[in-house]
PDB file of N, CA and C in Angstrom:
ATOM      1  N   VAL A   1      -7.809  10.924  -4.823  1.00  0.00           N
ATOM      2  CA  VAL A   1      -7.178  12.120  -4.292  1.00  0.00           C
ATOM      3  C   VAL A   1      -6.758  11.832  -2.860  1.00  0.00           C
ATOM      4  N   GLY A   2      -5.560  12.240  -2.515  1.00  0.00           N
ATOM      5  CA  GLY A   2      -5.044  12.039  -1.171  1.00  0.00           C
ATOM      6  C   GLY A   2      -3.531  12.047  -1.181  1.00  0.00           C
ATOM      7  N   PRO A   3      -2.919  11.945  -0.023  1.00  0.00           N
ATOM      8  CA  PRO A   3      -1.458  11.935   0.044  1.00  0.00           C
ATOM      9  C   PRO A   3      -0.887  10.747  -0.724  1.00  0.00           C
ATOM     10  N   ARG A   4       0.274  10.934  -1.279  1.00  0.00           N
ATOM     11  CA  ARG A   4       0.926   9.829  -1.978  1.00  0.00           C
ATOM     12  C   ARG A   4       1.269   8.746  -0.977  1.00  0.00           C
ATOM     13  N   PRO A   5       1.159   7.473  -1.382  1.00  0.00           N
ATOM     14  CA  PRO A   5       1.532   6.385  -0.475  1.00  0.00           C
ATOM     15  C   PRO A   5       3.040   6.415  -0.208  1.00  0.00           C
ATOM     16  N   GLU A   6       3.407   5.878   0.912  1.00  0.00           N
ATOM     17  CA  GLU A   6       4.817   5.875   1.299  1.00  0.00           C
ATOM     18  C   GLU A   6       5.304   4.453   1.481  1.00  0.00           C
ATOM     19  N   MET A   7       6.569   4.232   1.223  1.00  0.00           N
ATOM     20  CA  MET A   7       7.187   2.922   1.427  1.00  0.00           C
ATOM     21  C   MET A   7       7.172   2.609   2.921  1.00  0.00           C
ATOM     22  N   PRO A   8       6.843   1.368   3.315  1.00  0.00           N
ATOM     23  CA  PRO A   8       6.760   1.020   4.737  1.00  0.00           C
ATOM     24  C   PRO A   8       8.044   1.305   5.521  1.00  0.00           C
ATOM     25  N   PHE A   9       9.208   1.085   4.924  1.00  0.00           N
ATOM     26  CA  PHE A   9      10.449   1.330   5.668  1.00  0.00           C
ATOM     27  C   PHE A   9      10.671   2.813   5.932  1.00  0.00           C
ATOM     28  N   ILE A  10      10.111   3.676   5.102  1.00  0.00           N
ATOM     29  CA  ILE A  10      10.194   5.120   5.348  1.00  0.00           C
ATOM     30  C   ILE A  10       9.163   5.525   6.395  1.00  0.00           C
ATOM     31  N   ALA A  11       7.940   5.019   6.249  1.00  0.00           N
ATOM     32  CA  ALA A  11       6.862   5.360   7.186  1.00  0.00           C
ATOM     33  C   ALA A  11       7.167   4.889   8.604  1.00  0.00           C
ATOM     34  N   SER A  12       7.944   3.839   8.742  1.00  0.00           N
ATOM     35  CA  SER A  12       8.268   3.337  10.088  1.00  0.00           C
ATOM     36  C   SER A  12       9.104   4.344  10.882  1.00  0.00           C
ATOM     37  N   GLY A  13       9.781   5.254  10.195  1.00  0.00           N
ATOM     38  CA  GLY A  13      10.572   6.267  10.880  1.00  0.00           C
ATOM     39  C   GLY A  13       9.880   7.616  10.996  1.00  0.00           C
ATOM     40  N   TYR A  14       8.613   7.665  10.668  1.00  0.00           N
ATOM     41  CA  TYR A  14       7.861   8.916  10.727  1.00  0.00           C
ATOM     42  C   TYR A  14       7.715   9.419  12.158  1.00  0.00           C
ATOM     43  N   SER A  15       7.686  10.737  12.287  1.00  0.00           N
ATOM     44  CA  SER A  15       7.352  11.369  13.564  1.00  0.00           C
ATOM     45  C   SER A  15       5.823  11.375  13.689  1.00  0.00           C
ATOM     46  N   ASP A  16       5.328  11.814  14.827  1.00  0.00           N
ATOM     47  CA  ASP A  16       3.869  11.864  15.037  1.00  0.00           C
ATOM     48  C   ASP A  16       3.172  12.730  14.001  1.00  0.00           C
ATOM     49  N   ILE A  17       3.758  13.873  13.661  1.00  0.00           N
ATOM     50  CA  ILE A  17       3.122  14.766  12.690  1.00  0.00           C
ATOM     51  C   ILE A  17       3.096  14.132  11.305  1.00  0.00           C
ATOM     52  N   HIS A  18       4.147  13.405  10.942  1.00  0.00           N
ATOM     53  CA  HIS A  18       4.172  12.727   9.651  1.00  0.00           C
ATOM     54  C   HIS A  18       3.161  11.573   9.604  1.00  0.00           C
ATOM     55  N   ARG A  19       2.915  10.950  10.731  1.00  0.00           N
ATOM     56  CA  ARG A  19       1.948   9.843  10.779  1.00  0.00           C
ATOM     57  C   ARG A  19       0.520  10.316  10.541  1.00  0.00           C
ATOM     58  N   GLU A  20       0.260  11.588  10.761  1.00  0.00           N
ATOM     59  CA  GLU A  20      -1.084  12.136  10.530  1.00  0.00           C
ATOM     60  C   GLU A  20      -1.514  11.907   9.092  1.00  0.00           C
ATOM     61  N   ARG A  21      -0.580  11.996   8.147  1.00  0.00           N
ATOM     62  CA  ARG A  21      -0.940  11.823   6.742  1.00  0.00           C
ATOM     63  C   ARG A  21      -1.305  10.382   6.416  1.00  0.00           C
ATOM     64  N   LEU A  22      -0.941   9.446   7.297  1.00  0.00           N
ATOM     65  CA  LEU A  22      -1.267   8.041   7.072  1.00  0.00           C
ATOM     66  C   LEU A  22      -2.680   7.692   7.541  1.00  0.00           C
ATOM     67  N   LYS A  23      -3.353   8.640   8.177  1.00  0.00           N
ATOM     68  CA  LYS A  23      -4.701   8.380   8.700  1.00  0.00           C
ATOM     69  C   LYS A  23      -5.784   8.472   7.633  1.00  0.00           C
ATOM     70  N   ILE A  24      -5.425   8.904   6.440  1.00  0.00           N
ATOM     71  CA  ILE A  24      -6.392   8.955   5.340  1.00  0.00           C
ATOM     72  C   ILE A  24      -5.866   8.110   4.184  1.00  0.00           C
ATOM     73  N   LEU A  25      -6.788   7.682   3.332  1.00  0.00           N
ATOM     74  CA  LEU A  25      -6.405   6.836   2.212  1.00  0.00           C
ATOM     75  C   LEU A  25      -5.464   7.577   1.265  1.00  0.00           C
ATOM     76  N   PRO A  26      -4.438   6.906   0.776  1.00  0.00           N
ATOM     77  CA  PRO A  26      -3.537   7.552  -0.181  1.00  0.00           C
ATOM     78  C   PRO A  26      -4.203   7.715  -1.538  1.00  0.00           C
ATOM     79  N   GLY A  27      -3.653   8.588  -2.334  1.00  0.00           N
ATOM     80  CA  GLY A  27      -4.175   8.823  -3.673  1.00  0.00           C
ATOM     81  C   GLY A  27      -3.040   9.023  -4.666  1.00  0.00           C
ATOM     82  N   ILE A  28      -3.388   9.236  -5.914  1.00  0.00           N
ATOM     83  CA  ILE A  28      -2.371   9.435  -6.934  1.00  0.00           C
ATOM     84  C   ILE A  28      -2.126  10.910  -7.245  1.00  0.00           C
ATOM     85  N   THR A  29      -2.966  11.780  -6.703  1.00  0.00           N
ATOM     86  CA  THR A  29      -2.752  13.212  -6.865  1.00  0.00           C
ATOM     87  C   THR A  29      -3.237  13.917  -5.605  1.00  0.00           C
ATOM     88  N   GLY A  30      -2.703  15.088  -5.381  1.00  0.00           N
ATOM     89  CA  GLY A  30      -3.074  15.848  -4.196  1.00  0.00           C
ATOM     90  C   GLY A  30      -2.570  17.274  -4.295  1.00  0.00           C
ATOM     91  N   LEU A  31      -2.757  18.021  -3.233  1.00  0.00           N
ATOM     92  CA  LEU A  31      -2.357  19.424  -3.225  1.00  0.00           C
ATOM     93  C   LEU A  31      -0.858  19.603  -3.415  1.00  0.00           C
ATOM     94  N   TRP A  32      -0.068  18.734  -2.787  1.00  0.00           N
ATOM     95  CA  TRP A  32       1.388  18.861  -2.902  1.00  0.00           C
ATOM     96  C   TRP A  32       1.830  18.705  -4.359  1.00  0.00           C
ATOM     97  N   GLN A  33       1.228  17.758  -5.080  1.00  0.00           N
ATOM     98  CA  GLN A  33       1.616  17.524  -6.464  1.00  0.00           C
ATOM     99  C   GLN A  33       1.283  18.718  -7.361  1.00  0.00           C
ATOM    100  N   LEU A  34       0.311  19.518  -6.974  1.00  0.00           N
ATOM    101  CA  LEU A  34      -0.088  20.672  -7.760  1.00  0.00           C
ATOM    102  C   LEU A  34       0.634  21.947  -7.352  1.00  0.00           C
ATOM    103  N   SER A  35       1.316  21.923  -6.244  1.00  0.00           N
ATOM    104  CA  SER A  35       1.945  23.126  -5.713  1.00  0.00           C
ATOM    105  C   SER A  35       3.292  23.398  -6.389  1.00  0.00           C
ATOM    106  N   GLY A  36       3.748  24.599  -6.223  1.00  0.00           N
ATOM    107  CA  GLY A  36       5.086  24.957  -6.687  1.00  0.00           C
ATOM    108  C   GLY A  36       6.174  24.320  -5.841  1.00  0.00           C
ATOM    109  N   ASP A  37       5.801  23.813  -4.679  1.00  0.00           N
ATOM    110  CA  ASP A  37       6.763  23.176  -3.776  1.00  0.00           C
ATOM    111  C   ASP A  37       7.010  21.718  -4.108  1.00  0.00           C
ATOM    112  N   ARG A  38       6.447  21.215  -5.191  1.00  0.00           N
ATOM    113  CA  ARG A  38       6.571  19.789  -5.497  1.00  0.00           C
ATOM    114  C   ARG A  38       7.997  19.383  -5.837  1.00  0.00           C
ATOM    115  N   LYS A  39       8.877  20.355  -6.031  1.00  0.00           N
ATOM    116  CA  LYS A  39      10.282  20.048  -6.281  1.00  0.00           C
ATOM    117  C   LYS A  39      10.993  19.618  -4.998  1.00  0.00           C
ATOM    118  N   LYS A  40      10.416  19.989  -3.848  1.00  0.00           N
ATOM    119  CA  LYS A  40      10.958  19.566  -2.554  1.00  0.00           C
ATOM    120  C   LYS A  40      10.363  18.207  -2.192  1.00  0.00           C
ATOM    121  N   THR A  41      10.989  17.516  -1.266  1.00  0.00           N
ATOM    122  CA  THR A  41      10.447  16.228  -0.845  1.00  0.00           C
ATOM    123  C   THR A  41       9.171  16.446  -0.039  1.00  0.00           C
ATOM    124  N   ILE A  42       8.301  15.448  -0.044  1.00  0.00           N
ATOM    125  CA  ILE A  42       7.029  15.552   0.676  1.00  0.00           C
ATOM    126  C   ILE A  42       7.261  15.749   2.166  1.00  0.00           C
ATOM    127  N   HIS A  43       8.360  15.240   2.673  1.00  0.00           N
ATOM    128  CA  HIS A  43       8.646  15.369   4.101  1.00  0.00           C
ATOM    129  C   HIS A  43       8.934  16.812   4.491  1.00  0.00           C
ATOM    130  N   GLU A  44       9.258  17.651   3.500  1.00  0.00           N
ATOM    131  CA  GLU A  44       9.484  19.068   3.765  1.00  0.00           C
ATOM    132  C   GLU A  44       8.212  19.883   3.571  1.00  0.00           C
ATOM    133  N   ASN A  45       7.127  19.242   3.137  1.00  0.00           N
ATOM    134  CA  ASN A  45       5.883  19.952   2.808  1.00  0.00           C
ATOM    135  C   ASN A  45       4.662  19.261   3.380  1.00  0.00           C
ATOM    136  N   MET A  46       4.705  18.910   4.623  1.00  0.00           N
ATOM    137  CA  MET A  46       3.598  18.199   5.254  1.00  0.00           C
ATOM    138  C   MET A  46       2.331  19.033   5.333  1.00  0.00           C
ATOM    139  N   GLU A  47       2.451  20.358   5.266  1.00  0.00           N
ATOM    140  CA  GLU A  47       1.268  21.202   5.436  1.00  0.00           C
ATOM    141  C   GLU A  47       0.220  20.951   4.357  1.00  0.00           C
ATOM    142  N   TYR A  48       0.628  20.535   3.165  1.00  0.00           N
ATOM    143  CA  TYR A  48      -0.347  20.248   2.105  1.00  0.00           C
ATOM    144  C   TYR A  48      -1.221  19.050   2.466  1.00  0.00           C
ATOM    145  N   ASP A  49      -0.588  17.971   2.915  1.00  0.00           N
ATOM    146  CA  ASP A  49      -1.360  16.780   3.287  1.00  0.00           C
ATOM    147  C   ASP A  49      -2.183  17.018   4.545  1.00  0.00           C
ATOM    148  N   LEU A  50      -1.649  17.784   5.485  1.00  0.00           N
ATOM    149  CA  LEU A  50      -2.412  18.076   6.702  1.00  0.00           C
ATOM    150  C   LEU A  50      -3.605  18.989   6.390  1.00  0.00           C
ATOM    151  N   TYR A  51      -3.413  19.938   5.486  1.00  0.00           N
ATOM    152  CA  TYR A  51      -4.538  20.781   5.062  1.00  0.00           C
ATOM    153  C   TYR A  51      -5.618  19.924   4.422  1.00  0.00           C
ATOM    154  N   TYR A  52      -5.206  19.032   3.544  1.00  0.00           N
ATOM    155  CA  TYR A  52      -6.175  18.159   2.879  1.00  0.00           C
ATOM    156  C   TYR A  52      -6.907  17.301   3.904  1.00  0.00           C
ATOM    157  N   LYS A  53      -6.166  16.729   4.845  1.00  0.00           N
ATOM    158  CA  LYS A  53      -6.771  15.874   5.874  1.00  0.00           C
ATOM    159  C   LYS A  53      -7.825  16.636   6.668  1.00  0.00           C
ATOM    160  N   ASN A  54      -7.535  17.878   7.004  1.00  0.00           N
ATOM    161  CA  ASN A  54      -8.444  18.678   7.831  1.00  0.00           C
ATOM    162  C   ASN A  54      -9.590  19.313   7.049  1.00  0.00           C
ATOM    163  N   ASN A  55      -9.502  19.317   5.708  1.00  0.00           N
ATOM    164  CA  ASN A  55     -10.519  19.993   4.894  1.00  0.00           C
ATOM    165  C   ASN A  55     -11.079  19.104   3.791  1.00  0.00           C
ATOM    166  N   MET A  56     -10.997  17.786   3.967  1.00  0.00           N
ATOM    167  CA  MET A  56     -11.473  16.859   2.941  1.00  0.00           C
ATOM    168  C   MET A  56     -12.940  17.115   2.613  1.00  0.00           C
ATOM    169  N   SER A  57     -13.230  17.152   1.313  1.00  0.00           N
ATOM    170  CA  SER A  57     -14.611  17.294   0.860  1.00  0.00           C
ATOM    171  C   SER A  57     -14.689  16.879  -0.602  1.00  0.00           C
ATOM    172  N   PHE A  58     -15.892  16.611  -1.043  1.00  0.00           N
ATOM    173  CA  PHE A  58     -16.118  16.269  -2.440  1.00  0.00           C
ATOM    174  C   PHE A  58     -15.626  17.392  -3.354  1.00  0.00           C
ATOM    175  N   PHE A  59     -15.926  18.633  -2.994  1.00  0.00           N
ATOM    176  CA  PHE A  59     -15.568  19.767  -3.841  1.00  0.00           C
ATOM    177  C   PHE A  59     -14.065  20.016  -3.871  1.00  0.00           C
ATOM    178  N   LEU A  60     -13.380  19.788  -2.768  1.00  0.00           N
ATOM    179  CA  LEU A  60     -11.921  19.902  -2.771  1.00  0.00           C
ATOM    180  C   LEU A  60     -11.325  18.820  -3.669  1.00  0.00           C
ATOM    181  N   ASP A  61     -11.826  17.593  -3.567  1.00  0.00           N
ATOM    182  CA  ASP A  61     -11.361  16.515  -4.446  1.00  0.00           C
ATOM    183  C   ASP A  61     -11.616  16.866  -5.912  1.00  0.00           C
ATOM    184  N   LEU A  62     -12.787  17.394  -6.196  1.00  0.00           N
ATOM    185  CA  LEU A  62     -13.125  17.772  -7.568  1.00  0.00           C
ATOM    186  C   LEU A  62     -12.170  18.851  -8.087  1.00  0.00           C
ATOM    187  N   ALA A  63     -11.894  19.848  -7.275  1.00  0.00           N
ATOM    188  CA  ALA A  63     -10.979  20.917  -7.676  1.00  0.00           C
ATOM    189  C   ALA A  63      -9.575  20.372  -7.929  1.00  0.00           C
ATOM    190  N   ILE A  64      -9.108  19.472  -7.073  1.00  0.00           N
ATOM    191  CA  ILE A  64      -7.779  18.878  -7.247  1.00  0.00           C
ATOM    192  C   ILE A  64      -7.731  18.046  -8.526  1.00  0.00           C
ATOM    193  N   LEU A  65      -8.776  17.270  -8.786  1.00  0.00           N
ATOM    194  CA  LEU A  65      -8.813  16.456 -10.005  1.00  0.00           C
ATOM    195  C   LEU A  65      -8.831  17.319 -11.264  1.00  0.00           C
ATOM    196  N   LEU A  66      -9.625  18.385 -11.250  1.00  0.00           N
ATOM    197  CA  LEU A  66      -9.674  19.281 -12.409  1.00  0.00           C
ATOM    198  C   LEU A  66      -8.326  19.955 -12.638  1.00  0.00           C
ATOM    199  N   GLU A  67      -7.710  20.413 -11.578  1.00  0.00           N
ATOM    200  CA  GLU A  67      -6.390  21.050 -11.694  1.00  0.00           C
ATOM    201  C   GLU A  67      -5.349  20.051 -12.185  1.00  0.00           C
ATOM    202  N   THR A  68      -5.443  18.803 -11.747  1.00  0.00           N
ATOM    203  CA  THR A  68      -4.529  17.763 -12.210  1.00  0.00           C
ATOM    204  C   THR A  68      -4.682  17.551 -13.711  1.00  0.00           C
ATOM    205  N   LEU A  69      -5.920  17.522 -14.188  1.00  0.00           N
ATOM    206  CA  LEU A  69      -6.153  17.374 -15.626  1.00  0.00           C
ATOM    207  C   LEU A  69      -5.561  18.538 -16.413  1.00  0.00           C
ATOM    208  N   ILE A  70      -5.719  19.739 -15.902  1.00  0.00           N
ATOM    209  CA  ILE A  70      -5.152  20.925 -16.569  1.00  0.00           C
ATOM    210  C   ILE A  70      -3.635  20.806 -16.626  1.00  0.00           C
ATOM    211  N   PHE A  71      -3.008  20.426 -15.519  1.00  0.00           N
ATOM    212  CA  PHE A  71      -1.556  20.251 -15.486  1.00  0.00           C
ATOM    213  C   PHE A  71      -1.134  19.177 -16.495  1.00  0.00           C
ATOM    214  N   ALA A  72      -1.886  18.088 -16.562  1.00  0.00           N
ATOM    215  CA  ALA A  72      -1.533  16.987 -17.463  1.00  0.00           C
ATOM    216  C   ALA A  72      -1.619  17.428 -18.923  1.00  0.00           C
ATOM    217  N   PHE A  73      -2.662  18.150 -19.266  1.00  0.00           N
ATOM    218  CA  PHE A  73      -2.805  18.598 -20.656  1.00  0.00           C
ATOM    219  C   PHE A  73      -1.773  19.659 -21.029  1.00  0.00           C
ATOM    220  N   ARG A  74      -1.329  20.439 -20.062  1.00  0.00           N
ATOM    221  CA  ARG A  74      -0.310  21.450 -20.327  1.00  0.00           C
ATOM    222  C   ARG A  74       1.085  20.857 -20.293  1.00  0.00           C
ATOM    223  N   GLY A  75       1.197  19.623 -19.821  1.00  0.00           N
ATOM    224  CA  GLY A  75       2.510  18.967 -19.799  1.00  0.00           C
ATOM    225  C   GLY A  75       3.416  19.434 -18.687  1.00  0.00           C
ATOM    226  N   ILE A  76       2.826  19.837 -17.585  1.00  0.00           N
ATOM    227  CA  ILE A  76       3.617  20.315 -16.439  1.00  0.00           C
ATOM    228  C   ILE A  76       3.895  19.161 -15.509  1.00  0.00           C
TER     229      ILE A  76
END
């Protein structure tokens, strides 16, 4: 669980606020992927990764993983 990894050539142009998401390990699922805003680019929705960074916990990871499984089984 964590922000999606970014291509190095894209990350090199990040602003300071965008670099905050690089301070934690990337993951394959996260809050942004579960949100209704996932149709927008991640660069337009930094608040999801920043929220995760500031509130990381075992239980938040567990909730994200369970929600990801529900989305996967529903085919969303």
